[in-house]
Protein backbone atom coordinates (compact mmCIF):
# COMPACT_ATOMS: atom_id res chain seq x y z
CA MET A 1 -10.32 161.34 15.49
CA LYS A 2 -7.56 160.62 13.15
CA LEU A 3 -4.38 160.46 13.39
CA ALA A 4 -1.33 159.92 10.90
CA ALA A 5 2.39 159.66 11.34
CA TRP A 6 4.55 160.06 7.99
CA ASN A 7 8.26 160.39 7.67
CA VAL A 8 7.98 163.15 4.70
CA ASN A 9 12.08 163.07 4.08
CA GLY A 10 12.39 166.47 4.07
CA ILE A 11 9.29 169.15 4.42
CA ARG A 12 10.45 171.38 1.81
CA ALA A 13 10.28 168.91 -0.83
CA ARG A 14 7.13 167.64 0.06
CA GLN A 15 5.29 170.96 1.20
CA ALA A 16 3.16 170.41 -1.93
CA GLN A 17 2.31 166.30 -1.67
CA LEU A 18 1.54 167.61 2.29
CA PHE A 19 -1.07 170.22 1.67
CA ASP A 20 -2.42 168.33 -1.33
CA TRP A 21 -2.62 165.21 1.74
CA LEU A 22 -3.85 166.97 4.08
CA ALA A 23 -6.51 168.31 2.03
CA ALA A 24 -8.11 164.89 1.24
CA GLU A 25 -7.50 163.11 4.77
CA LYS A 26 -8.30 165.87 6.80
CA PRO A 27 -6.67 164.45 9.91
CA ASP A 28 -6.96 165.93 13.20
CA ILE A 29 -2.98 164.82 14.29
CA VAL A 30 -0.45 164.57 12.49
CA CYS A 31 2.92 163.52 13.33
CA LEU A 32 5.86 164.25 10.70
CA GLN A 33 9.19 162.81 10.66
CA GLU A 34 12.86 163.93 9.32
CA ILE A 35 11.42 167.60 8.63
CA LYS A 36 14.85 168.86 7.95
CA ALA A 37 14.97 171.93 8.28
CA SER A 38 15.16 174.64 10.65
CA HIS A 39 12.18 177.16 11.37
CA ASP A 40 13.50 179.58 8.98
CA GLN A 41 14.08 177.64 6.32
CA LEU A 42 10.41 177.01 6.64
CA THR A 43 7.77 178.44 4.39
CA PHE A 44 4.96 180.81 5.76
CA GLU A 45 2.25 178.26 4.78
CA LEU A 46 4.10 175.60 6.77
CA ARG A 47 4.52 177.89 9.67
CA ASP A 48 1.16 179.72 10.35
CA MET A 49 -0.90 176.64 8.51
CA GLU A 50 -4.09 176.91 7.74
CA GLY A 51 -7.02 174.85 10.30
CA TYR A 52 -3.80 173.71 11.83
CA TRP A 53 -1.67 174.52 15.25
CA SER A 54 1.99 173.37 14.19
CA TYR A 55 4.89 173.00 16.04
CA TRP A 56 8.01 172.69 14.35
CA HIS A 57 10.99 170.79 16.12
CA GLY A 58 14.10 171.15 13.88
CA ASP A 59 17.23 172.20 12.34
CA LYS A 60 19.26 172.48 9.43
CA GLY A 61 19.69 169.02 7.63
CA TYR A 62 19.57 165.76 9.22
CA SER A 63 16.17 164.62 11.73
CA GLY A 64 13.79 166.85 12.83
CA VAL A 65 9.83 166.35 13.98
CA ALA A 66 7.33 168.22 14.08
CA LEU A 67 3.26 168.35 15.47
CA LEU A 68 0.28 169.39 13.78
CA VAL A 69 -3.19 169.49 15.96
CA SER A 70 -6.53 170.28 14.01
CA LYS A 71 -8.22 173.62 16.00
CA SER A 72 -11.16 171.82 15.70
CA LEU A 73 -10.24 169.40 17.84
CA ALA A 74 -8.30 171.86 20.05
CA GLY A 75 -9.57 175.12 20.59
CA ALA A 76 -5.83 176.94 21.85
CA MET A 77 -2.19 175.48 20.42
CA PRO A 78 -1.31 172.84 22.92
CA ALA A 79 1.97 173.51 24.85
CA CYS A 80 4.50 171.32 23.07
CA SER A 81 7.68 169.74 24.70
CA HIS A 82 10.07 167.57 24.22
CA PRO A 83 11.97 165.39 26.67
CA GLY A 84 15.50 165.78 28.45
CA PHE A 85 17.15 163.11 26.65
CA ASP A 86 15.66 164.61 23.24
CA PHE A 87 19.08 165.44 20.95
CA GLU A 88 19.02 165.79 16.94
CA GLN A 89 15.69 167.19 17.23
CA ARG A 90 14.26 163.74 17.50
CA ILE A 91 10.58 164.05 19.48
CA ALA A 92 8.23 165.87 20.06
CA CYS A 93 5.40 165.53 22.51
CA ALA A 94 2.05 167.92 23.25
CA SER A 95 -1.11 167.07 25.18
CA VAL A 96 -4.23 167.02 23.03
CA PRO A 97 -8.05 166.93 23.54
CA SER A 98 -10.26 164.91 22.97
CA PRO A 99 -13.41 162.81 23.58
CA ALA A 100 -11.27 159.30 26.16
CA GLY A 101 -9.16 162.63 27.58
CA ASP A 102 -6.15 164.48 27.01
CA ILE A 103 -3.72 162.46 25.25
CA MET A 104 -0.32 162.76 25.55
CA ILE A 105 1.15 162.32 21.71
CA ALA A 106 5.32 161.92 21.31
CA SER A 107 6.02 162.35 17.13
CA VAL A 108 9.08 160.52 17.65
CA TYR A 109 11.96 159.76 15.18
CA VAL A 110 14.29 157.00 16.82
CA PRO A 111 18.25 157.23 15.02
CA ASN A 112 18.81 154.71 12.32
CA GLY A 113 21.89 153.24 14.49
CA GLY A 114 24.15 152.51 11.52
CA LYS A 115 26.50 155.72 12.14
CA ASP A 116 26.33 155.40 16.00
CA PHE A 117 24.42 152.29 17.64
CA ASP A 118 25.33 153.47 20.99
CA ALA A 119 23.00 156.11 20.44
CA LYS A 120 20.64 154.57 19.34
CA MET A 121 20.15 152.18 21.75
CA ARG A 122 20.47 154.79 24.55
CA PHE A 123 17.01 156.69 23.19
CA LEU A 124 14.88 153.86 22.93
CA HIS A 125 16.24 153.05 26.64
CA ALA A 126 15.35 156.87 27.55
CA LEU A 127 12.13 156.11 26.02
CA GLU A 128 10.91 153.17 27.54
CA SER A 129 11.41 155.08 30.87
CA TYR A 130 9.38 158.14 29.26
CA VAL A 131 6.70 155.45 28.45
CA ALA A 132 7.37 153.77 32.10
CA GLU A 133 6.28 156.84 33.70
CA ALA A 134 3.38 157.67 31.35
CA ASN A 135 1.92 154.26 32.52
CA ARG A 136 2.87 154.65 36.00
CA ASP A 137 0.68 158.34 36.71
CA GLY A 138 -2.18 156.71 33.88
CA LYS A 139 -1.73 158.55 31.27
CA LEU A 140 -3.50 157.97 28.15
CA LEU A 141 -0.37 157.91 25.36
CA ILE A 142 0.55 157.54 21.53
CA VAL A 143 3.74 157.11 20.23
CA CYS A 144 4.21 157.27 16.57
CA GLY A 145 6.65 157.54 13.93
CA ASP A 146 9.88 156.01 12.44
CA LEU A 147 11.05 154.20 14.80
CA ASN A 148 13.37 152.88 13.03
CA VAL A 149 13.26 148.79 14.24
CA ALA A 150 11.42 146.13 12.20
CA LEU A 151 9.78 144.28 15.39
CA GLU A 152 9.81 140.65 13.69
CA GLU A 153 11.27 139.01 10.94
CA ARG A 154 8.06 139.80 8.98
CA ASP A 155 8.12 143.29 9.42
CA ILE A 156 11.23 142.97 6.89
CA HIS A 157 10.02 141.67 2.94
CA PRO A 158 12.18 137.95 2.70
CA LYS A 159 14.22 139.33 -0.19
CA LEU A 160 15.78 142.00 2.01
CA ARG A 161 16.81 139.68 4.92
CA LYS A 162 20.43 139.60 6.15
CA PRO A 163 21.84 138.34 9.14
CA HIS A 164 23.17 141.38 11.45
CA MET A 165 21.54 144.59 9.66
CA ILE A 166 20.67 147.27 12.48
CA GLY A 167 17.20 147.97 13.14
CA ALA A 168 16.58 143.83 12.76
CA THR A 169 19.02 143.00 15.75
CA PRO A 170 17.94 140.90 18.46
CA GLU A 171 18.61 144.07 21.06
CA GLU A 172 16.98 146.67 19.55
CA ARG A 173 13.36 144.05 18.64
CA ALA A 174 13.58 142.95 23.19
CA LEU A 175 13.88 146.56 24.02
CA LEU A 176 11.07 147.75 21.08
CA ALA A 177 8.93 144.95 22.30
CA ARG A 178 9.64 145.92 26.16
CA ILE A 179 8.31 149.21 25.56
CA ILE A 180 4.93 147.95 23.57
CA SER A 181 4.68 145.76 26.72
CA LEU A 182 4.31 148.84 29.29
CA GLY A 183 0.36 149.58 28.62
CA LEU A 184 0.73 150.21 24.98
CA ALA A 185 -0.48 148.56 21.95
CA ASP A 186 1.06 148.07 18.06
CA VAL A 187 -2.42 149.52 16.56
CA HIS A 188 -1.42 148.53 13.40
CA ARG A 189 -1.28 144.76 13.50
CA GLN A 190 -4.48 144.86 15.04
CA PHE A 191 -6.37 145.00 12.02
CA GLU A 192 -3.35 143.27 9.56
CA ASN A 193 -2.16 140.42 11.75
CA ASP A 194 -1.94 138.17 8.94
CA ASN A 195 -0.36 140.30 6.68
CA ASP A 196 3.07 139.54 6.11
CA ASN A 197 3.39 142.35 3.59
CA LEU A 198 2.93 145.25 5.81
CA PHE A 199 6.03 147.52 5.01
CA THR A 200 6.12 151.31 6.01
CA TRP A 201 10.03 152.18 3.89
CA TRP A 202 10.88 151.02 0.79
CA ALA A 203 14.64 151.73 -0.09
CA PRO A 204 14.30 154.37 -3.50
CA TRP A 205 15.83 152.14 -6.16
CA ARG A 206 14.53 149.39 -8.30
CA GLN A 207 10.88 150.53 -7.58
CA GLN A 208 10.73 148.68 -4.34
CA LYS A 209 8.09 150.63 -3.50
CA GLU A 210 6.14 150.00 -6.40
CA LYS A 211 6.76 146.52 -5.55
CA ASN A 212 5.94 146.65 -2.23
CA ILE A 213 9.69 145.14 -0.88
CA GLY A 214 10.07 146.45 2.46
CA TRP A 215 10.91 147.12 5.78
CA ARG A 216 7.71 148.05 8.75
CA ILE A 217 9.44 150.89 10.70
CA ASP A 218 6.72 152.95 11.37
CA TYR A 219 4.61 152.17 14.07
CA VAL A 220 1.36 153.73 15.67
CA LEU A 221 1.67 152.72 19.54
CA ALA A 222 -1.10 153.38 21.97
CA SER A 223 -2.50 153.16 25.69
CA LYS A 224 -4.85 150.39 24.87
CA ALA A 225 -7.37 152.05 26.49
CA LEU A 226 -7.13 154.08 23.28
CA ALA A 227 -6.34 151.26 20.60
CA GLU A 228 -9.22 149.59 21.92
CA LYS A 229 -11.43 152.77 20.26
CA ALA A 230 -9.31 152.14 16.72
CA THR A 231 -11.77 151.18 13.92
CA SER A 232 -8.53 151.33 11.32
CA ALA A 233 -5.56 151.19 10.49
CA VAL A 234 -4.13 151.77 7.10
CA VAL A 235 -0.11 152.33 4.98
CA GLN A 236 -0.50 154.99 1.80
CA ARG A 237 2.10 153.50 0.36
CA GLU A 238 0.88 155.41 -3.04
CA VAL A 239 0.90 158.92 -1.28
CA GLY A 240 3.82 161.23 -2.38
CA SER A 241 7.40 160.94 -3.16
CA SER A 242 8.65 159.95 0.32
CA ASP A 243 10.69 156.60 1.08
CA HIS A 244 8.08 156.69 3.79
CA GLY A 245 4.09 155.83 3.74
CA PRO A 246 1.82 157.47 6.40
CA VAL A 247 1.01 155.33 8.60
CA VAL A 248 -3.58 156.64 9.31
CA VAL A 249 -5.39 155.24 12.41
CA ARG A 250 -8.95 156.08 12.87
CA PHE A 251 -10.68 156.18 16.49
CA ASP A 252 -14.47 156.03 16.98
CA PHE A 253 -14.96 158.01 21.12
CA SER A 254 -18.52 157.80 20.65
């Protein structure tokens, strides 16, 4: 099973790039963030995407998430939902079948926090409760997307580090660490634990993307039983014109 998380920063501007990438990568599950479009703003090709069940959870302008599930993986469209703590179309969930059993997938876009830090912390606390409940119930869970927190100091390029930055405060980092501790694993770090240049977002100026001067704020967090089945994890910095790169993880359930 191949799963990808990608903050596209506007699906209407990246539609052609998304289709080209899907054709090349053929992921089974795709979690998109910042689609920045309501359902009636989507093209027919997006709403009825060939080969995928698609669930779009967005509104005009800011935010919005989506879930795409390959029809070869799920014979019928998975029931999609968003938990009660959702606001501004920030989380979409679906239970999808896999050889390991049903997996609850959550495509998540955590608030940046620059305009309302308290709202960001409330969302993260609610996400913590959501993960705790899934762990308590023994559910297989994957939380992925743009979590807008650099977990460690090395998740920010040295040239960009400043004291008291939102996205890198002790409170945010501690809360994300607690979420991961609830039976999840940071899958990407399993493969690149010694890589201090692992980033997923780059400011769209001064060629920071080309120079790989960025932040790691996009994650695939999986239940440990699933994380043990992961065989690779990569960030595709060269893909598309979004300021984020897709994070792609492969699992082998054989």
